[in-house]
């Protein structure tokens, strides 16, 4: 009798719609029929349709049950979530496509995010779950996408645009290669609570967790000392020790980065670059962040060539011209003069300045 040792997810091929399983690896082409609707055609002539819906990253079990009920009614129960938290219904019966879209719109669910549009933003945990956030995640994404809704449900941008958010610079959301990245930043070093450090923390581990060597032992008090000049406010120490909180309601805020991409089409992948060093946390709607993101999107949309991603447009016109067109002031914080940076990174994204 064999013992089952793998209790992970089932093989994905067991969950494919029959038409995809039948034509696996034999697809001829796909086309975008309208925002949020894709048509895939196999060599055999079989078709399947994808209906994309924007969804929150954090959802309830009741919401998931509702989506599964819709999938049962219109597409045999087949649906999937993309890596950017879009919900996609896989419909093999063409006659059910339009009724499904009408049903989704009647429920207030946005259909779109395909082609030259803004797809669903990927984001981190924010204030709900994370212990080191400098800003919220779901709140800002909700505010930004409410404002940019027209660019999700329509394909009127020069190319597709990826917006991402990480609530601190540890970036578990991997925003460093996004057209527009919203990044929470701490601006003050951690405050050492010596009583908690002495009671709960392994001092060698906390020291080793600091990437810049800004933490050293304090043998006299059996605690730790922070060299504030070397601290980059990453919060790694708080991850190791609850006695070193880095969050601050006044000092914490948001920075904006642009021009990154993962795609290797036309040009190689590239990192996002800092363009706005600080915006305040103003929940629940974050008006400063929302207006800054809209400004960048619309300046790019007005001046870029067709199929030109944000970073490709900036490379063509130059960073100086980007700052002029967007009206964003060039601040000293945009120059990488961090004392621990290597020579190759001691430069500004607008190195011609």
C-alpha atoms as a PDB file:
ATOM      1  CA  UNK A   1       0.000   0.000   0.000  1.00  0.00           C
ATOM      2  CA  UNK A   2       1.518   3.315  -1.058  1.00  0.00           C
ATOM      3  CA  UNK A   3       1.540   6.323   1.231  1.00  0.00           C
ATOM      4  CA  UNK A   4       0.444   9.671  -0.106  1.00  0.00           C
ATOM      5  CA  UNK A   5       3.065  12.244   0.817  1.00  0.00           C
ATOM      6  CA  UNK A   6       2.049  15.247  -1.312  1.00  0.00           C
ATOM      7  CA  UNK A   7      -0.878  17.167   0.132  1.00  0.00           C
ATOM      8  CA  UNK A   8      -0.457  20.249  -2.074  1.00  0.00           C
ATOM      9  CA  UNK A   9      -2.847  21.529  -4.725  1.00  0.00           C
ATOM     10  CA  UNK A  10      -4.073  19.137  -7.437  1.00  0.00           C
ATOM     11  CA  UNK A  11      -2.411  19.065 -10.827  1.00  0.00           C
ATOM     12  CA  UNK A  12      -3.707  22.034 -12.797  1.00  0.00           C
ATOM     13  CA  UNK A  13      -4.511  19.832 -15.798  1.00  0.00           C
ATOM     14  CA  UNK A  14      -7.215  18.153 -13.743  1.00  0.00           C
ATOM     15  CA  UNK A  15      -9.054  21.500 -13.508  1.00  0.00           C
ATOM     16  CA  UNK A  16      -8.933  22.662 -17.128  1.00  0.00           C
ATOM     17  CA  UNK A  17     -12.158  23.269 -19.054  1.00  0.00           C
ATOM     18  CA  UNK A  18     -12.769  20.389 -21.502  1.00  0.00           C
ATOM     19  CA  UNK A  19     -12.171  22.569 -24.577  1.00  0.00           C
ATOM     20  CA  UNK A  20      -8.779  23.684 -23.241  1.00  0.00           C
ATOM     21  CA  UNK A  21      -7.808  20.150 -22.276  1.00  0.00           C
ATOM     22  CA  UNK A  22      -8.795  18.910 -25.733  1.00  0.00           C
ATOM     23  CA  UNK A  23      -6.751  21.584 -27.534  1.00  0.00           C
ATOM     24  CA  UNK A  24      -3.876  21.859 -25.075  1.00  0.00           C
ATOM     25  CA  UNK A  25      -0.851  23.377 -26.800  1.00  0.00           C
ATOM     26  CA  UNK A  26      -2.703  23.714 -30.111  1.00  0.00           C
ATOM     27  CA  UNK A  27      -4.096  27.227 -30.015  1.00  0.00           C
ATOM     28  CA  UNK A  28      -3.985  29.277 -33.187  1.00  0.00           C
ATOM     29  CA  UNK A  29      -4.632  32.824 -31.967  1.00  0.00           C
ATOM     30  CA  UNK A  30      -6.568  35.016 -29.572  1.00  0.00           C
ATOM     31  CA  UNK A  31      -8.193  38.391 -30.054  1.00  0.00           C
ATOM     32  CA  UNK A  32      -9.633  41.159 -27.914  1.00  0.00           C
ATOM     33  CA  UNK A  33     -13.278  41.596 -28.869  1.00  0.00           C
ATOM     34  CA  UNK A  34     -14.002  44.361 -26.366  1.00  0.00           C
ATOM     35  CA  UNK A  35     -12.672  45.497 -22.984  1.00  0.00           C
ATOM     36  CA  UNK A  36     -12.658  42.518 -20.677  1.00  0.00           C
ATOM     37  CA  UNK A  37     -13.522  39.959 -23.364  1.00  0.00           C
ATOM     38  CA  UNK A  38     -11.014  37.697 -25.131  1.00  0.00           C
ATOM     39  CA  UNK A  39     -11.695  35.058 -27.773  1.00  0.00           C
ATOM     40  CA  UNK A  40      -9.288  32.122 -28.112  1.00  0.00           C
ATOM     41  CA  UNK A  41      -9.358  29.961 -31.245  1.00  0.00           C
ATOM     42  CA  UNK A  42      -7.692  26.545 -31.530  1.00  0.00           C
ATOM     43  CA  UNK A  43      -6.246  24.886 -34.632  1.00  0.00           C
ATOM     44  CA  UNK A  44      -9.277  22.604 -34.562  1.00  0.00           C
ATOM     45  CA  UNK A  45     -11.646  25.580 -34.776  1.00  0.00           C
ATOM     46  CA  UNK A  46     -12.825  25.234 -31.173  1.00  0.00           C
ATOM     47  CA  UNK A  47     -13.349  28.475 -29.278  1.00  0.00           C
ATOM     48  CA  UNK A  48     -13.358  29.614 -25.687  1.00  0.00           C
ATOM     49  CA  UNK A  49     -14.022  33.084 -24.300  1.00  0.00           C
ATOM     50  CA  UNK A  50     -12.427  34.798 -21.322  1.00  0.00           C
ATOM     51  CA  UNK A  51     -14.449  37.416 -19.428  1.00  0.00           C
ATOM     52  CA  UNK A  52     -12.222  39.417 -17.074  1.00  0.00           C
ATOM     53  CA  UNK A  53     -13.528  41.134 -13.964  1.00  0.00           C
ATOM     54  CA  UNK A  54     -11.660  43.379 -11.549  1.00  0.00           C
ATOM     55  CA  UNK A  55     -11.773  42.119  -7.993  1.00  0.00           C
ATOM     56  CA  UNK A  56     -10.510  43.176  -4.580  1.00  0.00           C
ATOM     57  CA  UNK A  57      -7.378  41.416  -3.426  1.00  0.00           C
ATOM     58  CA  UNK A  58      -8.936  40.734  -0.040  1.00  0.00           C
ATOM     59  CA  UNK A  59     -12.322  39.060  -0.386  1.00  0.00           C
ATOM     60  CA  UNK A  60     -14.761  37.240   1.842  1.00  0.00           C
ATOM     61  CA  UNK A  61     -15.790  33.615   1.529  1.00  0.00           C
ATOM     62  CA  UNK A  62     -19.330  34.789   0.757  1.00  0.00           C
ATOM     63  CA  UNK A  63     -18.002  36.809  -2.200  1.00  0.00           C
ATOM     64  CA  UNK A  64     -16.115  33.765  -3.491  1.00  0.00           C
ATOM     65  CA  UNK A  65     -19.281  31.665  -3.176  1.00  0.00           C
ATOM     66  CA  UNK A  66     -21.182  34.278  -5.192  1.00  0.00           C
ATOM     67  CA  UNK A  67     -18.566  34.206  -7.955  1.00  0.00           C
ATOM     68  CA  UNK A  68     -18.612  30.409  -8.015  1.00  0.00           C
ATOM     69  CA  UNK A  69     -22.398  30.468  -8.367  1.00  0.00           C
ATOM     70  CA  UNK A  70     -22.048  32.769 -11.399  1.00  0.00           C
ATOM     71  CA  UNK A  71     -19.448  30.434 -12.888  1.00  0.00           C
ATOM     72  CA  UNK A  72     -21.743  27.441 -12.338  1.00  0.00           C
ATOM     73  CA  UNK A  73     -24.554  29.219 -14.170  1.00  0.00           C
ATOM     74  CA  UNK A  74     -22.668  30.545 -17.192  1.00  0.00           C
ATOM     75  CA  UNK A  75     -19.481  28.544 -17.737  1.00  0.00           C
ATOM     76  CA  UNK A  76     -19.719  25.124 -16.156  1.00  0.00           C
ATOM     77  CA  UNK A  77     -17.990  26.296 -12.985  1.00  0.00           C
ATOM     78  CA  UNK A  78     -14.704  27.170 -14.689  1.00  0.00           C
ATOM     79  CA  UNK A  79     -13.026  30.355 -13.506  1.00  0.00           C
ATOM     80  CA  UNK A  80      -9.602  31.447 -12.398  1.00  0.00           C
ATOM     81  CA  UNK A  81      -7.734  34.278 -10.690  1.00  0.00           C
ATOM     82  CA  UNK A  82      -4.829  35.928 -12.468  1.00  0.00           C
ATOM     83  CA  UNK A  83      -1.600  36.909 -10.738  1.00  0.00           C
ATOM     84  CA  UNK A  84      -2.963  40.470 -10.545  1.00  0.00           C
ATOM     85  CA  UNK A  85      -6.169  39.308  -8.844  1.00  0.00           C
ATOM     86  CA  UNK A  86      -8.370  39.670 -11.910  1.00  0.00           C
ATOM     87  CA  UNK A  87     -11.212  37.179 -11.903  1.00  0.00           C
ATOM     88  CA  UNK A  88     -11.643  35.410 -15.250  1.00  0.00           C
ATOM     89  CA  UNK A  89     -14.667  33.361 -16.309  1.00  0.00           C
ATOM     90  CA  UNK A  90     -13.846  30.764 -18.996  1.00  0.00           C
ATOM     91  CA  UNK A  91     -16.894  30.418 -21.250  1.00  0.00           C
ATOM     92  CA  UNK A  92     -17.037  27.747 -23.951  1.00  0.00           C
ATOM     93  CA  UNK A  93     -20.659  28.449 -24.959  1.00  0.00           C
ATOM     94  CA  UNK A  94     -20.727  31.645 -27.059  1.00  0.00           C
ATOM     95  CA  UNK A  95     -24.428  32.192 -26.399  1.00  0.00           C
ATOM     96  CA  UNK A  96     -23.692  32.708 -22.686  1.00  0.00           C
ATOM     97  CA  UNK A  97     -21.010  35.384 -23.095  1.00  0.00           C
ATOM     98  CA  UNK A  98     -23.245  38.448 -23.386  1.00  0.00           C
ATOM     99  CA  UNK A  99     -25.700  37.294 -20.683  1.00  0.00           C
ATOM    100  CA  UNK A 100     -22.730  36.741 -18.371  1.00  0.00           C
ATOM    101  CA  UNK A 101     -21.354  40.230 -19.031  1.00  0.00           C
ATOM    102  CA  UNK A 102     -24.808  41.751 -18.469  1.00  0.00           C
ATOM    103  CA  UNK A 103     -25.162  39.805 -15.221  1.00  0.00           C
ATOM    104  CA  UNK A 104     -21.749  40.976 -13.980  1.00  0.00           C
ATOM    105  CA  UNK A 105     -22.480  44.607 -14.805  1.00  0.00           C
ATOM    106  CA  UNK A 106     -25.842  44.406 -13.086  1.00  0.00           C
ATOM    107  CA  UNK A 107     -24.010  43.262  -9.956  1.00  0.00           C
ATOM    108  CA  UNK A 108     -21.706  46.271 -10.172  1.00  0.00           C
ATOM    109  CA  UNK A 109     -18.631  44.202 -11.088  1.00  0.00           C
ATOM    110  CA  UNK A 110     -16.242  45.982 -13.495  1.00  0.00           C
ATOM    111  CA  UNK A 111     -15.570  44.112 -16.728  1.00  0.00           C
ATOM    112  CA  UNK A 112     -12.331  45.194 -18.394  1.00  0.00           C
ATOM    113  CA  UNK A 113      -8.605  45.266 -17.765  1.00  0.00           C
ATOM    114  CA  UNK A 114      -7.554  43.710 -21.085  1.00  0.00           C
ATOM    115  CA  UNK A 115      -5.540  45.209 -23.919  1.00  0.00           C
ATOM    116  CA  UNK A 116      -4.441  48.828 -23.744  1.00  0.00           C
ATOM    117  CA  UNK A 117      -5.960  49.439 -20.339  1.00  0.00           C
ATOM    118  CA  UNK A 118      -5.047  49.503 -16.672  1.00  0.00           C
ATOM    119  CA  UNK A 119      -5.277  46.013 -15.289  1.00  0.00           C
ATOM    120  CA  UNK A 120      -6.140  45.183 -11.703  1.00  0.00           C
ATOM    121  CA  UNK A 121      -3.373  46.522  -9.422  1.00  0.00           C
ATOM    122  CA  UNK A 122      -1.413  44.000  -7.415  1.00  0.00           C
ATOM    123  CA  UNK A 123      -0.754  45.030  -3.825  1.00  0.00           C
ATOM    124  CA  UNK A 124       0.464  43.878  -0.454  1.00  0.00           C
ATOM    125  CA  UNK A 125      -1.324  43.454   2.878  1.00  0.00           C
ATOM    126  CA  UNK A 126      -1.327  47.004   4.229  1.00  0.00           C
ATOM    127  CA  UNK A 127      -2.831  47.910   7.570  1.00  0.00           C
ATOM    128  CA  UNK A 128      -5.117  44.876   7.627  1.00  0.00           C
ATOM    129  CA  UNK A 129      -2.488  42.147   8.055  1.00  0.00           C
ATOM    130  CA  UNK A 130       1.089  43.444   7.825  1.00  0.00           C
ATOM    131  CA  UNK A 131       3.097  44.475  10.878  1.00  0.00           C
ATOM    132  CA  UNK A 132       5.481  46.943   9.157  1.00  0.00           C
ATOM    133  CA  UNK A 133       3.378  48.944   6.660  1.00  0.00           C
ATOM    134  CA  UNK A 134       4.025  52.624   6.047  1.00  0.00           C
ATOM    135  CA  UNK A 135       0.663  52.977   4.343  1.00  0.00           C
ATOM    136  CA  UNK A 136      -2.470  51.005   3.598  1.00  0.00           C
ATOM    137  CA  UNK A 137      -2.786  48.810   0.539  1.00  0.00           C
ATOM    138  CA  UNK A 138      -6.443  48.036  -0.169  1.00  0.00           C
ATOM    139  CA  UNK A 139      -7.544  51.574   0.694  1.00  0.00           C
ATOM    140  CA  UNK A 140      -5.197  53.286  -1.742  1.00  0.00           C
ATOM    141  CA  UNK A 141      -5.854  50.766  -4.522  1.00  0.00           C
ATOM    142  CA  UNK A 142      -9.609  51.214  -4.097  1.00  0.00           C
ATOM    143  CA  UNK A 143      -9.245  55.011  -4.207  1.00  0.00           C
ATOM    144  CA  UNK A 144      -6.916  55.033  -7.217  1.00  0.00           C
ATOM    145  CA  UNK A 145      -8.964  52.586  -9.273  1.00  0.00           C
ATOM    146  CA  UNK A 146     -12.239  54.338  -8.468  1.00  0.00           C
ATOM    147  CA  UNK A 147     -10.642  57.433  -9.971  1.00  0.00           C
ATOM    148  CA  UNK A 148      -9.148  55.566 -12.950  1.00  0.00           C
ATOM    149  CA  UNK A 149     -12.208  53.378 -13.578  1.00  0.00           C
ATOM    150  CA  UNK A 150     -12.576  54.685 -17.138  1.00  0.00           C
ATOM    151  CA  UNK A 151      -9.144  53.300 -18.009  1.00  0.00           C
ATOM    152  CA  UNK A 152     -10.083  49.822 -16.747  1.00  0.00           C
ATOM    153  CA  UNK A 153     -13.340  49.451 -18.666  1.00  0.00           C
ATOM    154  CA  UNK A 154     -12.015  50.945 -21.918  1.00  0.00           C
ATOM    155  CA  UNK A 155      -8.950  50.302 -24.079  1.00  0.00           C
ATOM    156  CA  UNK A 156      -7.953  53.900 -24.868  1.00  0.00           C
ATOM    157  CA  UNK A 157      -4.401  54.011 -23.518  1.00  0.00           C
ATOM    158  CA  UNK A 158      -1.280  53.788 -25.742  1.00  0.00           C
ATOM    159  CA  UNK A 159      -0.372  50.410 -24.213  1.00  0.00           C
ATOM    160  CA  UNK A 160      -1.313  48.403 -21.194  1.00  0.00           C
ATOM    161  CA  UNK A 161      -0.423  49.909 -17.849  1.00  0.00           C
ATOM    162  CA  UNK A 162       0.500  48.004 -14.703  1.00  0.00           C
ATOM    163  CA  UNK A 163      -0.027  49.748 -11.370  1.00  0.00           C
ATOM    164  CA  UNK A 164       1.263  48.094  -8.214  1.00  0.00           C
ATOM    165  CA  UNK A 165       1.425  48.975  -4.537  1.00  0.00           C
ATOM    166  CA  UNK A 166       3.713  47.873  -1.730  1.00  0.00           C
ATOM    167  CA  UNK A 167       3.050  49.216   1.741  1.00  0.00           C
ATOM    168  CA  UNK A 168       6.760  49.362   2.620  1.00  0.00           C
ATOM    169  CA  UNK A 169      10.078  49.156   0.781  1.00  0.00           C
ATOM    170  CA  UNK A 170      10.513  45.464   1.616  1.00  0.00           C
ATOM    171  CA  UNK A 171       8.112  45.127  -1.320  1.00  0.00           C
ATOM    172  CA  UNK A 172       6.499  41.741  -0.886  1.00  0.00           C
ATOM    173  CA  UNK A 173       4.303  43.015  -3.711  1.00  0.00           C
ATOM    174  CA  UNK A 174       7.269  43.353  -6.104  1.00  0.00           C
ATOM    175  CA  UNK A 175       6.367  46.806  -7.372  1.00  0.00           C
ATOM    176  CA  UNK A 176       9.884  47.563  -8.580  1.00  0.00           C
ATOM    177  CA  UNK A 177       9.077  46.663 -12.216  1.00  0.00           C
ATOM    178  CA  UNK A 178       5.738  48.455 -12.683  1.00  0.00           C
ATOM    179  CA  UNK A 179       4.640  51.240 -15.020  1.00  0.00           C
ATOM    180  CA  UNK A 180       3.494  53.069 -11.889  1.00  0.00           C
ATOM    181  CA  UNK A 181       4.501  51.883  -8.436  1.00  0.00           C
ATOM    182  CA  UNK A 182       2.981  53.225  -5.236  1.00  0.00           C
ATOM    183  CA  UNK A 183       5.373  52.528  -2.377  1.00  0.00           C
ATOM    184  CA  UNK A 184       4.860  53.214   1.309  1.00  0.00           C
ATOM    185  CA  UNK A 185       7.922  54.688   3.013  1.00  0.00           C
ATOM    186  CA  UNK A 186       9.027  55.139   6.598  1.00  0.00           C
ATOM    187  CA  UNK A 187      11.028  58.290   7.293  1.00  0.00           C
ATOM    188  CA  UNK A 188      12.058  57.816  10.903  1.00  0.00           C
ATOM    189  CA  UNK A 189      14.334  55.204  12.503  1.00  0.00           C
ATOM    190  CA  UNK A 190      12.873  52.592  14.850  1.00  0.00           C
ATOM    191  CA  UNK A 191      12.312  53.545  18.477  1.00  0.00           C
ATOM    192  CA  UNK A 192      13.980  51.028  20.784  1.00  0.00           C
ATOM    193  CA  UNK A 193      11.778  49.783  23.614  1.00  0.00           C
ATOM    194  CA  UNK A 194      14.477  48.389  25.872  1.00  0.00           C
ATOM    195  CA  UNK A 195      12.107  46.446  28.108  1.00  0.00           C
ATOM    196  CA  UNK A 196      10.638  44.499  25.173  1.00  0.00           C
ATOM    197  CA  UNK A 197      14.071  43.973  23.599  1.00  0.00           C
ATOM    198  CA  UNK A 198      15.396  42.532  26.850  1.00  0.00           C
ATOM    199  CA  UNK A 199      12.356  40.298  27.370  1.00  0.00           C
ATOM    200  CA  UNK A 200      11.536  39.017  23.890  1.00  0.00           C
ATOM    201  CA  UNK A 201      14.323  39.562  21.350  1.00  0.00           C
ATOM    202  CA  UNK A 202      17.394  37.594  20.314  1.00  0.00           C
ATOM    203  CA  UNK A 203      19.892  40.426  19.981  1.00  0.00           C
ATOM    204  CA  UNK A 204      22.292  38.701  17.514  1.00  0.00           C
ATOM    205  CA  UNK A 205      19.415  37.957  15.128  1.00  0.00           C
ATOM    206  CA  UNK A 206      18.200  41.558  15.224  1.00  0.00           C
ATOM    207  CA  UNK A 207      21.697  42.873  14.486  1.00  0.00           C
ATOM    208  CA  UNK A 208      22.117  40.421  11.607  1.00  0.00           C
ATOM    209  CA  UNK A 209      18.744  41.426  10.121  1.00  0.00           C
ATOM    210  CA  UNK A 210      19.864  45.016   9.459  1.00  0.00           C
ATOM    211  CA  UNK A 211      21.050  45.348   5.817  1.00  0.00           C
ATOM    212  CA  UNK A 212      23.125  48.474   6.508  1.00  0.00           C
ATOM    213  CA  UNK A 213      24.739  47.536   9.824  1.00  0.00           C
ATOM    214  CA  UNK A 214      22.899  50.326  11.615  1.00  0.00           C
ATOM    215  CA  UNK A 215      22.173  48.279  14.748  1.00  0.00           C
ATOM    216  CA  UNK A 216      24.764  47.436  17.362  1.00  0.00           C
ATOM    217  CA  UNK A 217      24.544  45.853  20.815  1.00  0.00           C
ATOM    218  CA  UNK A 218      24.232  47.846  23.997  1.00  0.00           C
ATOM    219  CA  UNK A 219      25.859  45.477  26.533  1.00  0.00           C
ATOM    220  CA  UNK A 220      25.397  47.841  29.455  1.00  0.00           C
ATOM    221  CA  UNK A 221      21.610  47.796  29.124  1.00  0.00           C
ATOM    222  CA  UNK A 222      21.413  44.341  27.506  1.00  0.00           C
ATOM    223  CA  UNK A 223      19.653  45.988  24.597  1.00  0.00           C
ATOM    224  CA  UNK A 224      20.322  47.606  21.214  1.00  0.00           C
ATOM    225  CA  UNK A 225      21.357  50.972  19.799  1.00  0.00           C
ATOM    226  CA  UNK A 226      20.441  52.351  16.357  1.00  0.00           C
ATOM    227  CA  UNK A 227      22.902  54.412  14.319  1.00  0.00           C
ATOM    228  CA  UNK A 228      20.349  56.716  12.736  1.00  0.00           C
ATOM    229  CA  UNK A 229      22.744  57.964  10.039  1.00  0.00           C
ATOM    230  CA  UNK A 230      23.007  54.460   8.610  1.00  0.00           C
ATOM    231  CA  UNK A 231      19.357  53.476   9.025  1.00  0.00           C
ATOM    232  CA  UNK A 232      17.287  53.228   5.838  1.00  0.00           C
ATOM    233  CA  UNK A 233      13.973  52.673   7.678  1.00  0.00           C
ATOM    234  CA  UNK A 234      13.278  49.291   6.132  1.00  0.00           C
ATOM    235  CA  UNK A 235      11.685  47.738   9.233  1.00  0.00           C
ATOM    236  CA  UNK A 236      13.631  44.474   9.071  1.00  0.00           C
ATOM    237  CA  UNK A 237      14.589  44.907  12.703  1.00  0.00           C
ATOM    238  CA  UNK A 238      10.941  45.124  13.753  1.00  0.00           C
ATOM    239  CA  UNK A 239      10.279  41.916  11.847  1.00  0.00           C
ATOM    240  CA  UNK A 240      12.810  40.237  14.134  1.00  0.00           C
ATOM    241  CA  UNK A 241      11.981  42.148  17.303  1.00  0.00           C
ATOM    242  CA  UNK A 242       8.685  43.728  18.448  1.00  0.00           C
ATOM    243  CA  UNK A 243      10.678  46.118  20.608  1.00  0.00           C
ATOM    244  CA  UNK A 244      11.809  48.166  17.599  1.00  0.00           C
ATOM    245  CA  UNK A 245       8.658  49.634  15.992  1.00  0.00           C
ATOM    246  CA  UNK A 246       9.293  51.709  12.882  1.00  0.00           C
ATOM    247  CA  UNK A 247       5.743  52.853  12.061  1.00  0.00           C
ATOM    248  CA  UNK A 248       4.996  56.518  12.650  1.00  0.00           C
ATOM    249  CA  UNK A 249       1.672  58.260  11.944  1.00  0.00           C
ATOM    250  CA  UNK A 250       3.351  61.523  10.879  1.00  0.00           C
ATOM    251  CA  UNK A 251       6.581  60.350   9.286  1.00  0.00           C
ATOM    252  CA  UNK A 252       5.080  57.522   7.225  1.00  0.00           C
ATOM    253  CA  UNK A 253       3.794  58.245   3.728  1.00  0.00           C
ATOM    254  CA  UNK A 254       3.799  57.283   0.077  1.00  0.00           C
ATOM    255  CA  UNK A 255       6.296  57.584  -2.767  1.00  0.00           C
ATOM    256  CA  UNK A 256       5.608  57.205  -6.507  1.00  0.00           C
ATOM    257  CA  UNK A 257       7.878  55.351  -8.942  1.00  0.00           C
ATOM    258  CA  UNK A 258       7.419  55.028 -12.725  1.00  0.00           C
ATOM    259  CA  UNK A 259       8.812  53.414 -15.839  1.00  0.00           C
ATOM    260  CA  UNK A 260       9.350  49.793 -14.869  1.00  0.00           C
ATOM    261  CA  UNK A 261       8.228  46.686 -16.711  1.00  0.00           C
ATOM    262  CA  UNK A 262       8.749  42.936 -16.711  1.00  0.00           C
ATOM    263  CA  UNK A 263       7.929  42.414 -20.380  1.00  0.00           C
ATOM    264  CA  UNK A 264      10.875  41.940 -22.750  1.00  0.00           C
ATOM    265  CA  UNK A 265       8.871  43.016 -25.822  1.00  0.00           C
ATOM    266  CA  UNK A 266      10.677  45.732 -27.831  1.00  0.00           C
ATOM    267  CA  UNK A 267      12.966  46.662 -24.932  1.00  0.00           C
ATOM    268  CA  UNK A 268      14.433  44.689 -22.018  1.00  0.00           C
ATOM    269  CA  UNK A 269      12.781  44.656 -18.592  1.00  0.00           C
ATOM    270  CA  UNK A 270      13.560  47.679 -16.448  1.00  0.00           C
ATOM    271  CA  UNK A 271      13.208  48.925 -12.897  1.00  0.00           C
ATOM    272  CA  UNK A 272      10.850  51.690 -11.837  1.00  0.00           C
ATOM    273  CA  UNK A 273      12.423  55.041 -10.902  1.00  0.00           C
ATOM    274  CA  UNK A 274      11.514  57.382  -8.071  1.00  0.00           C
ATOM    275  CA  UNK A 275       9.699  60.539  -9.221  1.00  0.00           C
ATOM    276  CA  UNK A 276       7.733  61.678  -6.137  1.00  0.00           C
ATOM    277  CA  UNK A 277       9.620  61.089  -2.868  1.00  0.00           C
ATOM    278  CA  UNK A 278       6.771  61.715  -0.445  1.00  0.00           C
ATOM    279  CA  UNK A 279       3.012  62.130  -0.319  1.00  0.00           C
ATOM    280  CA  UNK A 280       1.063  62.116   2.947  1.00  0.00           C
ATOM    281  CA  UNK A 281      -1.192  59.387   4.236  1.00  0.00           C
ATOM    282  CA  UNK A 282      -4.672  60.866   4.054  1.00  0.00           C
ATOM    283  CA  UNK A 283      -7.203  58.044   4.411  1.00  0.00           C
ATOM    284  CA  UNK A 284      -9.805  57.099   3.489  1.00  0.00           C
ATOM    285  CA  UNK A 285      -9.400  58.396  -0.103  1.00  0.00           C
ATOM    286  CA  UNK A 286      -5.733  59.496  -0.354  1.00  0.00           C
ATOM    287  CA  UNK A 287      -6.466  62.489  -2.640  1.00  0.00           C
ATOM    288  CA  UNK A 288      -2.797  63.452  -3.121  1.00  0.00           C
ATOM    289  CA  UNK A 289      -1.830  59.953  -4.248  1.00  0.00           C
ATOM    290  CA  UNK A 290      -4.890  59.558  -6.459  1.00  0.00           C
ATOM    291  CA  UNK A 291      -4.353  62.867  -8.271  1.00  0.00           C
ATOM    292  CA  UNK A 292      -0.622  62.175  -8.721  1.00  0.00           C
ATOM    293  CA  UNK A 293      -1.271  58.785 -10.340  1.00  0.00           C
ATOM    294  CA  UNK A 294      -3.995  60.179 -12.619  1.00  0.00           C
ATOM    295  CA  UNK A 295      -1.681  63.012 -13.704  1.00  0.00           C
ATOM    296  CA  UNK A 296       1.083  60.584 -14.681  1.00  0.00           C
ATOM    297  CA  UNK A 297      -1.309  58.275 -16.536  1.00  0.00           C
ATOM    298  CA  UNK A 298      -2.895  61.101 -18.536  1.00  0.00           C
ATOM    299  CA  UNK A 299       0.398  62.807 -19.416  1.00  0.00           C
ATOM    300  CA  UNK A 300       1.704  59.487 -20.737  1.00  0.00           C
ATOM    301  CA  UNK A 301      -1.566  58.794 -22.577  1.00  0.00           C
ATOM    302  CA  UNK A 302      -1.439  62.216 -24.239  1.00  0.00           C
ATOM    303  CA  UNK A 303       2.145  61.992 -25.513  1.00  0.00           C
ATOM    304  CA  UNK A 304       3.142  58.348 -25.986  1.00  0.00           C
ATOM    305  CA  UNK A 305       3.087  56.496 -29.292  1.00  0.00           C
ATOM    306  CA  UNK A 306       0.817  53.505 -29.791  1.00  0.00           C
ATOM    307  CA  UNK A 307       2.119  50.384 -28.000  1.00  0.00           C
ATOM    308  CA  UNK A 308       4.655  52.481 -26.070  1.00  0.00           C
ATOM    309  CA  UNK A 309       4.897  51.534 -22.398  1.00  0.00           C
ATOM    310  CA  UNK A 310       5.476  54.184 -19.756  1.00  0.00           C
ATOM    311  CA  UNK A 311       9.216  53.515 -19.435  1.00  0.00           C
ATOM    312  CA  UNK A 312       9.708  53.305 -23.199  1.00  0.00           C
ATOM    313  CA  UNK A 313       8.055  56.695 -23.625  1.00  0.00           C
ATOM    314  CA  UNK A 314      10.273  58.230 -20.940  1.00  0.00           C
ATOM    315  CA  UNK A 315      13.387  56.707 -22.514  1.00  0.00           C
ATOM    316  CA  UNK A 316      12.428  58.295 -25.827  1.00  0.00           C
ATOM    317  CA  UNK A 317      11.705  61.806 -24.556  1.00  0.00           C
ATOM    318  CA  UNK A 318      14.189  61.885 -21.663  1.00  0.00           C
ATOM    319  CA  UNK A 319      13.603  62.275 -17.950  1.00  0.00           C
ATOM    320  CA  UNK A 320      13.944  66.058 -18.137  1.00  0.00           C
ATOM    321  CA  UNK A 321      11.025  66.244 -20.553  1.00  0.00           C
ATOM    322  CA  UNK A 322       8.988  63.846 -18.389  1.00  0.00           C
ATOM    323  CA  UNK A 323       9.310  66.143 -15.384  1.00  0.00           C
ATOM    324  CA  UNK A 324       8.437  69.169 -17.507  1.00  0.00           C
ATOM    325  CA  UNK A 325       5.317  67.579 -19.021  1.00  0.00           C
ATOM    326  CA  UNK A 326       4.048  66.104 -15.779  1.00  0.00           C
ATOM    327  CA  UNK A 327       4.709  69.218 -13.706  1.00  0.00           C
ATOM    328  CA  UNK A 328       6.430  67.103 -11.061  1.00  0.00           C
ATOM    329  CA  UNK A 329       9.252  69.008  -9.335  1.00  0.00           C
ATOM    330  CA  UNK A 330      12.687  67.427  -9.382  1.00  0.00           C
ATOM    331  CA  UNK A 331      13.645  66.960  -5.738  1.00  0.00           C
ATOM    332  CA  UNK A 332      17.039  66.281  -4.202  1.00  0.00           C
ATOM    333  CA  UNK A 333      15.708  62.955  -2.893  1.00  0.00           C
ATOM    334  CA  UNK A 334      15.610  61.661  -6.467  1.00  0.00           C
ATOM    335  CA  UNK A 335      19.417  61.623  -6.555  1.00  0.00           C
ATOM    336  CA  UNK A 336      20.803  58.390  -5.118  1.00  0.00           C
ATOM    337  CA  UNK A 337      23.514  59.631  -2.772  1.00  0.00           C
ATOM    338  CA  UNK A 338      22.998  57.006  -0.084  1.00  0.00           C
ATOM    339  CA  UNK A 339      26.366  56.422   1.599  1.00  0.00           C
ATOM    340  CA  UNK A 340      26.074  52.647   1.401  1.00  0.00           C
ATOM    341  CA  UNK A 341      25.199  52.572  -2.334  1.00  0.00           C
ATOM    342  CA  UNK A 342      27.740  51.056  -4.706  1.00  0.00           C
ATOM    343  CA  UNK A 343      29.356  53.248  -7.336  1.00  0.00           C
ATOM    344  CA  UNK A 344      27.124  51.888 -10.094  1.00  0.00           C
ATOM    345  CA  UNK A 345      24.002  53.088  -8.298  1.00  0.00           C
ATOM    346  CA  UNK A 346      25.240  56.514  -7.244  1.00  0.00           C
ATOM    347  CA  UNK A 347      23.321  58.299  -9.960  1.00  0.00           C
ATOM    348  CA  UNK A 348      19.977  59.891 -10.639  1.00  0.00           C
ATOM    349  CA  UNK A 349      17.383  58.568 -13.069  1.00  0.00           C
ATOM    350  CA  UNK A 350      17.765  61.927 -14.790  1.00  0.00           C
ATOM    351  CA  UNK A 351      21.529  61.747 -14.984  1.00  0.00           C
ATOM    352  CA  UNK A 352      21.708  64.543 -17.556  1.00  0.00           C
ATOM    353  CA  UNK A 353      20.591  67.094 -15.013  1.00  0.00           C
END
